[in-house]
């Protein structure tokens, strides 16, 4: 019996794979917010406006990376990193398709994002998330992130986290799966 393997590789933010993952991520988190607060799903026109307004260019080199996890060769999830200053990177868009959850991909993606941040020179990773995204908050806590005070004024941010990454890596900065 052959085991199915996870791989994580860097992906252009504007590739078809990245676009599909961004659409799935944004649809899920937006629908969850609207269902919780307004009892409805995201308006399709709003969804299209927001996707167009945030294409992910901040996750492109030289100051960012978009990572895609594949399970058995098929795209399964993503995580992005963007360098905010010489020492601080921000974790963005951590997502797995629902059918891929519970198979170890989320910790793998976050660790690969941490490695990418170190390769960019960061010694600290920060992130924000919402209160209703309890799975995300539990994941970050399990992976050593500490809840902190706000580091931004994002309208949807309700919880902020930070993690010391240690010293930056030296080398090519390429992620391995």
C-alpha atoms as a PDB file:
ATOM      1  CA  UNK A   1       0.000   0.000   0.000  1.00  0.00           C
ATOM      2  CA  UNK A   2       1.388   3.399  -0.987  1.00  0.00           C
ATOM      3  CA  UNK A   3       1.031   6.237   1.514  1.00  0.00           C
ATOM      4  CA  UNK A   4      -0.215   9.634   0.383  1.00  0.00           C
ATOM      5  CA  UNK A   5       2.290  12.386   0.994  1.00  0.00           C
ATOM      6  CA  UNK A   6       1.980  16.076   1.759  1.00  0.00           C
ATOM      7  CA  UNK A   7       4.213  18.486  -0.112  1.00  0.00           C
ATOM      8  CA  UNK A   8       4.513  22.248   0.348  1.00  0.00           C
ATOM      9  CA  UNK A   9       5.976  24.434  -2.383  1.00  0.00           C
ATOM     10  CA  UNK A  10       6.122  28.091  -3.237  1.00  0.00           C
ATOM     11  CA  UNK A  11       3.444  29.178  -5.715  1.00  0.00           C
ATOM     12  CA  UNK A  12       2.945  32.433  -7.655  1.00  0.00           C
ATOM     13  CA  UNK A  13       0.156  34.406  -5.954  1.00  0.00           C
ATOM     14  CA  UNK A  14      -1.600  34.854  -9.305  1.00  0.00           C
ATOM     15  CA  UNK A  15      -1.506  31.229 -10.492  1.00  0.00           C
ATOM     16  CA  UNK A  16      -4.796  29.405 -11.162  1.00  0.00           C
ATOM     17  CA  UNK A  17      -4.119  27.144  -8.144  1.00  0.00           C
ATOM     18  CA  UNK A  18      -3.558  30.165  -5.871  1.00  0.00           C
ATOM     19  CA  UNK A  19      -6.663  31.892  -7.238  1.00  0.00           C
ATOM     20  CA  UNK A  20      -8.835  28.834  -6.530  1.00  0.00           C
ATOM     21  CA  UNK A  21      -7.478  28.522  -2.991  1.00  0.00           C
ATOM     22  CA  UNK A  22      -7.952  32.269  -2.305  1.00  0.00           C
ATOM     23  CA  UNK A  23     -11.550  32.088  -3.555  1.00  0.00           C
ATOM     24  CA  UNK A  24     -12.300  29.061  -1.352  1.00  0.00           C
ATOM     25  CA  UNK A  25     -10.601  30.680   1.677  1.00  0.00           C
ATOM     26  CA  UNK A  26     -12.345  34.004   1.274  1.00  0.00           C
ATOM     27  CA  UNK A  27     -15.733  32.398   0.604  1.00  0.00           C
ATOM     28  CA  UNK A  28     -15.499  30.280   3.749  1.00  0.00           C
ATOM     29  CA  UNK A  29     -14.322  32.979   6.162  1.00  0.00           C
ATOM     30  CA  UNK A  30     -16.694  35.562   4.713  1.00  0.00           C
ATOM     31  CA  UNK A  31     -19.689  33.229   4.810  1.00  0.00           C
ATOM     32  CA  UNK A  32     -18.888  32.261   8.393  1.00  0.00           C
ATOM     33  CA  UNK A  33     -18.782  35.939   9.409  1.00  0.00           C
ATOM     34  CA  UNK A  34     -22.012  36.884   7.637  1.00  0.00           C
ATOM     35  CA  UNK A  35     -23.882  33.808   8.886  1.00  0.00           C
ATOM     36  CA  UNK A  36     -22.810  34.583  12.450  1.00  0.00           C
ATOM     37  CA  UNK A  37     -23.499  38.323  12.356  1.00  0.00           C
ATOM     38  CA  UNK A  38     -26.222  38.781   9.739  1.00  0.00           C
ATOM     39  CA  UNK A  39     -27.755  35.336   9.177  1.00  0.00           C
ATOM     40  CA  UNK A  40     -26.824  35.273   5.498  1.00  0.00           C
ATOM     41  CA  UNK A  41     -24.051  34.187   3.168  1.00  0.00           C
ATOM     42  CA  UNK A  42     -21.721  36.610   1.394  1.00  0.00           C
ATOM     43  CA  UNK A  43     -23.294  38.555  -1.440  1.00  0.00           C
ATOM     44  CA  UNK A  44     -21.692  37.283  -4.693  1.00  0.00           C
ATOM     45  CA  UNK A  45     -20.951  40.814  -5.923  1.00  0.00           C
ATOM     46  CA  UNK A  46     -19.214  41.645  -2.645  1.00  0.00           C
ATOM     47  CA  UNK A  47     -17.209  38.449  -2.861  1.00  0.00           C
ATOM     48  CA  UNK A  48     -15.978  39.374  -6.340  1.00  0.00           C
ATOM     49  CA  UNK A  49     -15.079  42.946  -5.249  1.00  0.00           C
ATOM     50  CA  UNK A  50     -13.079  41.729  -2.244  1.00  0.00           C
ATOM     51  CA  UNK A  51     -11.232  39.054  -4.202  1.00  0.00           C
ATOM     52  CA  UNK A  52     -10.312  41.629  -6.855  1.00  0.00           C
ATOM     53  CA  UNK A  53      -9.262  44.162  -4.193  1.00  0.00           C
ATOM     54  CA  UNK A  54      -6.900  41.714  -2.451  1.00  0.00           C
ATOM     55  CA  UNK A  55      -5.205  39.598  -5.119  1.00  0.00           C
ATOM     56  CA  UNK A  56      -2.267  38.657  -2.883  1.00  0.00           C
ATOM     57  CA  UNK A  57       0.541  40.639  -4.532  1.00  0.00           C
ATOM     58  CA  UNK A  58       1.924  41.269  -1.017  1.00  0.00           C
ATOM     59  CA  UNK A  59       2.706  37.529  -0.886  1.00  0.00           C
ATOM     60  CA  UNK A  60       5.031  37.703  -3.897  1.00  0.00           C
ATOM     61  CA  UNK A  61       8.833  37.818  -3.747  1.00  0.00           C
ATOM     62  CA  UNK A  62      10.954  39.546  -2.757  1.00  0.00           C
ATOM     63  CA  UNK A  63       9.067  40.373   0.474  1.00  0.00           C
ATOM     64  CA  UNK A  64       6.494  37.609   0.547  1.00  0.00           C
ATOM     65  CA  UNK A  65       5.799  33.989  -0.215  1.00  0.00           C
ATOM     66  CA  UNK A  66       2.653  32.048  -0.996  1.00  0.00           C
ATOM     67  CA  UNK A  67       2.921  28.374  -0.136  1.00  0.00           C
ATOM     68  CA  UNK A  68       0.620  25.668  -1.451  1.00  0.00           C
ATOM     69  CA  UNK A  69       0.183  22.317   0.233  1.00  0.00           C
ATOM     70  CA  UNK A  70      -0.625  19.368  -1.964  1.00  0.00           C
ATOM     71  CA  UNK A  71      -1.960  16.053  -0.733  1.00  0.00           C
ATOM     72  CA  UNK A  72      -1.242  13.205  -3.106  1.00  0.00           C
ATOM     73  CA  UNK A  73      -0.236  15.813  -5.679  1.00  0.00           C
ATOM     74  CA  UNK A  74      -3.552  17.700  -5.545  1.00  0.00           C
ATOM     75  CA  UNK A  75      -3.809  21.282  -4.204  1.00  0.00           C
ATOM     76  CA  UNK A  76      -5.174  21.098  -0.672  1.00  0.00           C
ATOM     77  CA  UNK A  77      -4.371  24.394   1.050  1.00  0.00           C
ATOM     78  CA  UNK A  78      -2.261  27.493   1.323  1.00  0.00           C
ATOM     79  CA  UNK A  79      -0.430  29.836   3.672  1.00  0.00           C
ATOM     80  CA  UNK A  80       1.136  33.192   2.958  1.00  0.00           C
ATOM     81  CA  UNK A  81       3.940  35.157   4.544  1.00  0.00           C
ATOM     82  CA  UNK A  82       4.781  38.799   4.072  1.00  0.00           C
ATOM     83  CA  UNK A  83       7.721  40.620   5.578  1.00  0.00           C
ATOM     84  CA  UNK A  84       6.574  43.709   7.489  1.00  0.00           C
ATOM     85  CA  UNK A  85      10.027  44.916   8.506  1.00  0.00           C
ATOM     86  CA  UNK A  86      13.501  43.451   8.808  1.00  0.00           C
ATOM     87  CA  UNK A  87      12.549  41.207  11.723  1.00  0.00           C
ATOM     88  CA  UNK A  88       8.777  40.699  11.555  1.00  0.00           C
ATOM     89  CA  UNK A  89       6.730  38.609   9.136  1.00  0.00           C
ATOM     90  CA  UNK A  90       2.961  38.223   9.057  1.00  0.00           C
ATOM     91  CA  UNK A  91       1.185  34.907   8.506  1.00  0.00           C
ATOM     92  CA  UNK A  92      -1.769  35.214   6.123  1.00  0.00           C
ATOM     93  CA  UNK A  93      -4.382  33.041   4.399  1.00  0.00           C
ATOM     94  CA  UNK A  94      -3.795  29.772   6.240  1.00  0.00           C
ATOM     95  CA  UNK A  95      -6.407  27.500   4.714  1.00  0.00           C
ATOM     96  CA  UNK A  96      -7.150  23.884   3.890  1.00  0.00           C
ATOM     97  CA  UNK A  97     -10.063  22.630   1.853  1.00  0.00           C
ATOM     98  CA  UNK A  98     -12.565  21.161   4.298  1.00  0.00           C
ATOM     99  CA  UNK A  99     -12.105  17.594   3.007  1.00  0.00           C
ATOM    100  CA  UNK A 100      -8.343  17.882   3.693  1.00  0.00           C
ATOM    101  CA  UNK A 101      -8.647  18.925   7.333  1.00  0.00           C
ATOM    102  CA  UNK A 102      -7.585  16.569  10.092  1.00  0.00           C
ATOM    103  CA  UNK A 103      -4.773  14.997   8.034  1.00  0.00           C
ATOM    104  CA  UNK A 104      -1.840  17.035   9.388  1.00  0.00           C
ATOM    105  CA  UNK A 105      -1.696  19.633   6.639  1.00  0.00           C
ATOM    106  CA  UNK A 106      -2.339  22.760   8.723  1.00  0.00           C
ATOM    107  CA  UNK A 107       0.653  22.351  11.069  1.00  0.00           C
ATOM    108  CA  UNK A 108       2.798  21.455   8.058  1.00  0.00           C
ATOM    109  CA  UNK A 109       1.729  24.640   6.254  1.00  0.00           C
ATOM    110  CA  UNK A 110       2.329  26.876   9.278  1.00  0.00           C
ATOM    111  CA  UNK A 111       5.778  25.368   9.868  1.00  0.00           C
ATOM    112  CA  UNK A 112       6.654  25.836   6.182  1.00  0.00           C
ATOM    113  CA  UNK A 113       5.492  29.466   6.462  1.00  0.00           C
ATOM    114  CA  UNK A 114       7.716  29.908   9.521  1.00  0.00           C
ATOM    115  CA  UNK A 115      10.659  28.525   7.542  1.00  0.00           C
ATOM    116  CA  UNK A 116       9.852  30.907   4.676  1.00  0.00           C
ATOM    117  CA  UNK A 117       9.703  33.823   7.128  1.00  0.00           C
ATOM    118  CA  UNK A 118      13.104  32.859   8.552  1.00  0.00           C
ATOM    119  CA  UNK A 119      14.492  32.646   5.017  1.00  0.00           C
ATOM    120  CA  UNK A 120      13.242  36.219   4.470  1.00  0.00           C
ATOM    121  CA  UNK A 121      15.174  37.276   7.579  1.00  0.00           C
ATOM    122  CA  UNK A 122      12.313  37.382  10.087  1.00  0.00           C
ATOM    123  CA  UNK A 123      12.835  36.440  13.711  1.00  0.00           C
ATOM    124  CA  UNK A 124       9.190  36.906  14.706  1.00  0.00           C
ATOM    125  CA  UNK A 125       5.858  35.924  13.133  1.00  0.00           C
ATOM    126  CA  UNK A 126       2.615  37.734  13.857  1.00  0.00           C
ATOM    127  CA  UNK A 127      -0.932  37.031  12.761  1.00  0.00           C
ATOM    128  CA  UNK A 128      -4.505  37.982  13.453  1.00  0.00           C
ATOM    129  CA  UNK A 129      -7.710  36.003  13.380  1.00  0.00           C
ATOM    130  CA  UNK A 130     -11.334  36.233  14.435  1.00  0.00           C
ATOM    131  CA  UNK A 131     -13.102  34.927  17.510  1.00  0.00           C
ATOM    132  CA  UNK A 132     -15.343  32.564  15.544  1.00  0.00           C
ATOM    133  CA  UNK A 133     -12.349  30.864  13.905  1.00  0.00           C
ATOM    134  CA  UNK A 134     -11.792  28.691  16.964  1.00  0.00           C
ATOM    135  CA  UNK A 135      -9.979  25.983  14.991  1.00  0.00           C
ATOM    136  CA  UNK A 136      -7.381  28.502  13.833  1.00  0.00           C
ATOM    137  CA  UNK A 137      -6.836  29.869  17.331  1.00  0.00           C
ATOM    138  CA  UNK A 138      -6.391  26.340  18.701  1.00  0.00           C
ATOM    139  CA  UNK A 139      -3.908  25.499  15.925  1.00  0.00           C
ATOM    140  CA  UNK A 140      -1.786  28.580  16.599  1.00  0.00           C
ATOM    141  CA  UNK A 141      -1.744  27.913  20.342  1.00  0.00           C
ATOM    142  CA  UNK A 142      -0.672  24.283  19.726  1.00  0.00           C
ATOM    143  CA  UNK A 143       2.155  25.511  17.495  1.00  0.00           C
ATOM    144  CA  UNK A 144       3.582  27.862  20.122  1.00  0.00           C
ATOM    145  CA  UNK A 145       1.930  31.158  19.231  1.00  0.00           C
ATOM    146  CA  UNK A 146       1.099  33.458  22.134  1.00  0.00           C
ATOM    147  CA  UNK A 147      -1.922  35.724  22.129  1.00  0.00           C
ATOM    148  CA  UNK A 148      -0.867  39.380  22.288  1.00  0.00           C
ATOM    149  CA  UNK A 149      -2.398  42.814  22.136  1.00  0.00           C
ATOM    150  CA  UNK A 150      -3.488  44.240  18.779  1.00  0.00           C
ATOM    151  CA  UNK A 151      -0.817  44.912  16.176  1.00  0.00           C
ATOM    152  CA  UNK A 152      -3.223  46.258  13.555  1.00  0.00           C
ATOM    153  CA  UNK A 153      -6.663  47.801  13.274  1.00  0.00           C
ATOM    154  CA  UNK A 154      -8.155  45.355  10.776  1.00  0.00           C
ATOM    155  CA  UNK A 155     -11.919  45.489  11.122  1.00  0.00           C
ATOM    156  CA  UNK A 156     -12.240  41.700  11.330  1.00  0.00           C
ATOM    157  CA  UNK A 157      -9.259  41.037  13.620  1.00  0.00           C
ATOM    158  CA  UNK A 158     -10.273  40.036  17.141  1.00  0.00           C
ATOM    159  CA  UNK A 159      -7.270  37.987  18.279  1.00  0.00           C
ATOM    160  CA  UNK A 160      -3.589  38.670  17.636  1.00  0.00           C
ATOM    161  CA  UNK A 161      -0.735  36.203  18.017  1.00  0.00           C
ATOM    162  CA  UNK A 162       3.046  36.270  17.930  1.00  0.00           C
ATOM    163  CA  UNK A 163       5.833  33.687  17.898  1.00  0.00           C
ATOM    164  CA  UNK A 164       9.591  34.028  18.221  1.00  0.00           C
ATOM    165  CA  UNK A 165      11.145  32.273  15.225  1.00  0.00           C
ATOM    166  CA  UNK A 166      14.715  32.364  16.425  1.00  0.00           C
ATOM    167  CA  UNK A 167      17.519  33.328  14.123  1.00  0.00           C
ATOM    168  CA  UNK A 168      16.963  33.692  10.370  1.00  0.00           C
ATOM    169  CA  UNK A 169      17.982  30.864   8.066  1.00  0.00           C
ATOM    170  CA  UNK A 170      20.851  31.200   5.671  1.00  0.00           C
ATOM    171  CA  UNK A 171      20.667  29.712   2.221  1.00  0.00           C
ATOM    172  CA  UNK A 172      18.399  29.856  -0.799  1.00  0.00           C
ATOM    173  CA  UNK A 173      15.086  30.339   0.985  1.00  0.00           C
ATOM    174  CA  UNK A 174      13.409  27.554  -0.970  1.00  0.00           C
ATOM    175  CA  UNK A 175      10.796  25.571   0.941  1.00  0.00           C
ATOM    176  CA  UNK A 176      10.988  21.826   1.005  1.00  0.00           C
ATOM    177  CA  UNK A 177       7.952  19.540   1.170  1.00  0.00           C
END
